[in-house]
Amino acid sequence: MKRRKIYFSNDDKEICGVIGCNKIPKRSIPRKRVEKVGILNLRGSSRKVQLCSDCYRIFKKETKKDRAMESLGR
């Protein structure tokens, strides 16, 4: 059985995946979805990108129309 690590403190030094932002991440989003927006400059090359609350808000505002169109198609 696989178990994931749970961190209770911020000693692991994780930072937001956006270049120039050094805040603590709150959300993890697939890199391809964030790269579609094109506004956020990402660091690293992992599959998922961790975003702080401010960067996630920017991402969410930019994808609002796309999410609305996806929900209409359901």
C-alpha atoms as a PDB file:
ATOM      1  CA  MET A   1       0.000   0.000   0.000  1.00  0.00           C
ATOM      2  CA  LYS A   2       1.394   3.376  -0.974  1.00  0.00           C
ATOM      3  CA  ARG A   3       1.420   6.100   1.610  1.00  0.00           C
ATOM      4  CA  ARG A   4       1.936   9.746   1.013  1.00  0.00           C
ATOM      5  CA  LYS A   5       3.953  11.979   3.252  1.00  0.00           C
ATOM      6  CA  ILE A   6       2.073  14.526   5.297  1.00  0.00           C
ATOM      7  CA  TYR A   7       3.982  17.610   6.368  1.00  0.00           C
ATOM      8  CA  PHE A   8       2.795  19.461   9.433  1.00  0.00           C
ATOM      9  CA  SER A   9       5.397  22.204   9.319  1.00  0.00           C
ATOM     10  CA  ASN A  10       6.783  24.397   6.579  1.00  0.00           C
ATOM     11  CA  ASP A  11      10.352  23.206   7.141  1.00  0.00           C
ATOM     12  CA  ASP A  12      10.378  21.340   3.824  1.00  0.00           C
ATOM     13  CA  LYS A  13      11.058  24.674   2.041  1.00  0.00           C
ATOM     14  CA  GLU A  14       8.459  24.245  -0.690  1.00  0.00           C
ATOM     15  CA  ILE A  15       7.762  27.434  -2.590  1.00  0.00           C
ATOM     16  CA  CYS A  16       5.331  28.503  -5.268  1.00  0.00           C
ATOM     17  CA  GLY A  17       6.159  27.218  -8.770  1.00  0.00           C
ATOM     18  CA  VAL A  18       5.998  30.680 -10.352  1.00  0.00           C
ATOM     19  CA  ILE A  19       9.272  32.494 -11.005  1.00  0.00           C
ATOM     20  CA  GLY A  20       9.592  35.461  -8.662  1.00  0.00           C
ATOM     21  CA  CYS A  21       7.086  34.197  -6.090  1.00  0.00           C
ATOM     22  CA  ASN A  22       8.476  32.729  -2.872  1.00  0.00           C
ATOM     23  CA  LYS A  23       5.252  32.123  -0.943  1.00  0.00           C
ATOM     24  CA  ILE A  24       4.023  28.856   0.549  1.00  0.00           C
ATOM     25  CA  PRO A  25       1.996  26.773  -1.960  1.00  0.00           C
ATOM     26  CA  LYS A  26      -1.658  26.012  -1.298  1.00  0.00           C
ATOM     27  CA  ARG A  27      -2.724  24.178  -4.490  1.00  0.00           C
ATOM     28  CA  SER A  28      -1.187  21.707  -6.898  1.00  0.00           C
ATOM     29  CA  ILE A  29      -2.287  21.867 -10.547  1.00  0.00           C
ATOM     30  CA  PRO A  30      -1.174  19.977 -13.680  1.00  0.00           C
ATOM     31  CA  ARG A  31       1.548  21.888 -15.542  1.00  0.00           C
ATOM     32  CA  LYS A  32      -0.223  21.624 -18.923  1.00  0.00           C
ATOM     33  CA  ARG A  33      -3.290  23.472 -17.628  1.00  0.00           C
ATOM     34  CA  VAL A  34      -1.166  26.291 -16.215  1.00  0.00           C
ATOM     35  CA  GLU A  35       0.953  26.540 -19.373  1.00  0.00           C
ATOM     36  CA  LYS A  36      -2.193  27.007 -21.503  1.00  0.00           C
ATOM     37  CA  VAL A  37      -2.792  30.327 -19.758  1.00  0.00           C
ATOM     38  CA  GLY A  38       0.653  31.639 -20.660  1.00  0.00           C
ATOM     39  CA  ILE A  39       0.688  34.457 -18.094  1.00  0.00           C
ATOM     40  CA  LEU A  40       2.546  32.647 -15.308  1.00  0.00           C
ATOM     41  CA  ASN A  41       6.252  31.897 -15.848  1.00  0.00           C
ATOM     42  CA  LEU A  42       6.928  28.520 -14.262  1.00  0.00           C
ATOM     43  CA  ARG A  43      10.136  27.099 -12.846  1.00  0.00           C
ATOM     44  CA  GLY A  44      11.194  23.462 -12.965  1.00  0.00           C
ATOM     45  CA  SER A  45       9.916  20.704 -15.224  1.00  0.00           C
ATOM     46  CA  SER A  46       7.733  18.515 -13.021  1.00  0.00           C
ATOM     47  CA  ARG A  47       4.273  17.354 -14.078  1.00  0.00           C
ATOM     48  CA  LYS A  48       2.469  19.300 -11.375  1.00  0.00           C
ATOM     49  CA  VAL A  49       2.945  22.898 -10.334  1.00  0.00           C
ATOM     50  CA  GLN A  50       2.337  24.130  -6.826  1.00  0.00           C
ATOM     51  CA  LEU A  51       0.743  27.563  -6.620  1.00  0.00           C
ATOM     52  CA  CYS A  52       0.280  29.951  -3.723  1.00  0.00           C
ATOM     53  CA  SER A  53      -3.116  31.512  -3.144  1.00  0.00           C
ATOM     54  CA  ASP A  54      -2.245  34.709  -5.060  1.00  0.00           C
ATOM     55  CA  CYS A  55      -0.918  32.885  -8.137  1.00  0.00           C
ATOM     56  CA  TYR A  56      -3.855  30.457  -8.029  1.00  0.00           C
ATOM     57  CA  ARG A  57      -6.225  33.428  -8.058  1.00  0.00           C
ATOM     58  CA  ILE A  58      -4.522  34.747 -11.214  1.00  0.00           C
ATOM     59  CA  PHE A  59      -4.771  31.301 -12.821  1.00  0.00           C
ATOM     60  CA  LYS A  60      -8.432  30.990 -11.873  1.00  0.00           C
ATOM     61  CA  LYS A  61      -9.327  34.425 -13.303  1.00  0.00           C
ATOM     62  CA  GLU A  62      -7.598  33.640 -16.604  1.00  0.00           C
ATOM     63  CA  THR A  63      -9.357  30.282 -17.014  1.00  0.00           C
ATOM     64  CA  LYS A  64     -12.834  31.445 -16.027  1.00  0.00           C
ATOM     65  CA  LYS A  65     -14.243  31.454 -19.585  1.00  0.00           C
ATOM     66  CA  ASP A  66     -12.723  28.055 -20.365  1.00  0.00           C
ATOM     67  CA  ARG A  67     -14.229  26.513 -17.245  1.00  0.00           C
ATOM     68  CA  ALA A  68     -17.634  28.007 -18.091  1.00  0.00           C
ATOM     69  CA  MET A  69     -17.512  26.500 -21.593  1.00  0.00           C
ATOM     70  CA  GLU A  70     -16.530  23.090 -20.211  1.00  0.00           C
ATOM     71  CA  SER A  71     -19.443  23.106 -17.790  1.00  0.00           C
ATOM     72  CA  LEU A  72     -21.889  23.943 -20.606  1.00  0.00           C
ATOM     73  CA  GLY A  73     -20.674  20.955 -22.578  1.00  0.00           C
ATOM     74  CA  ARG A  74     -21.591  18.485 -19.838  1.00  0.00           C
END
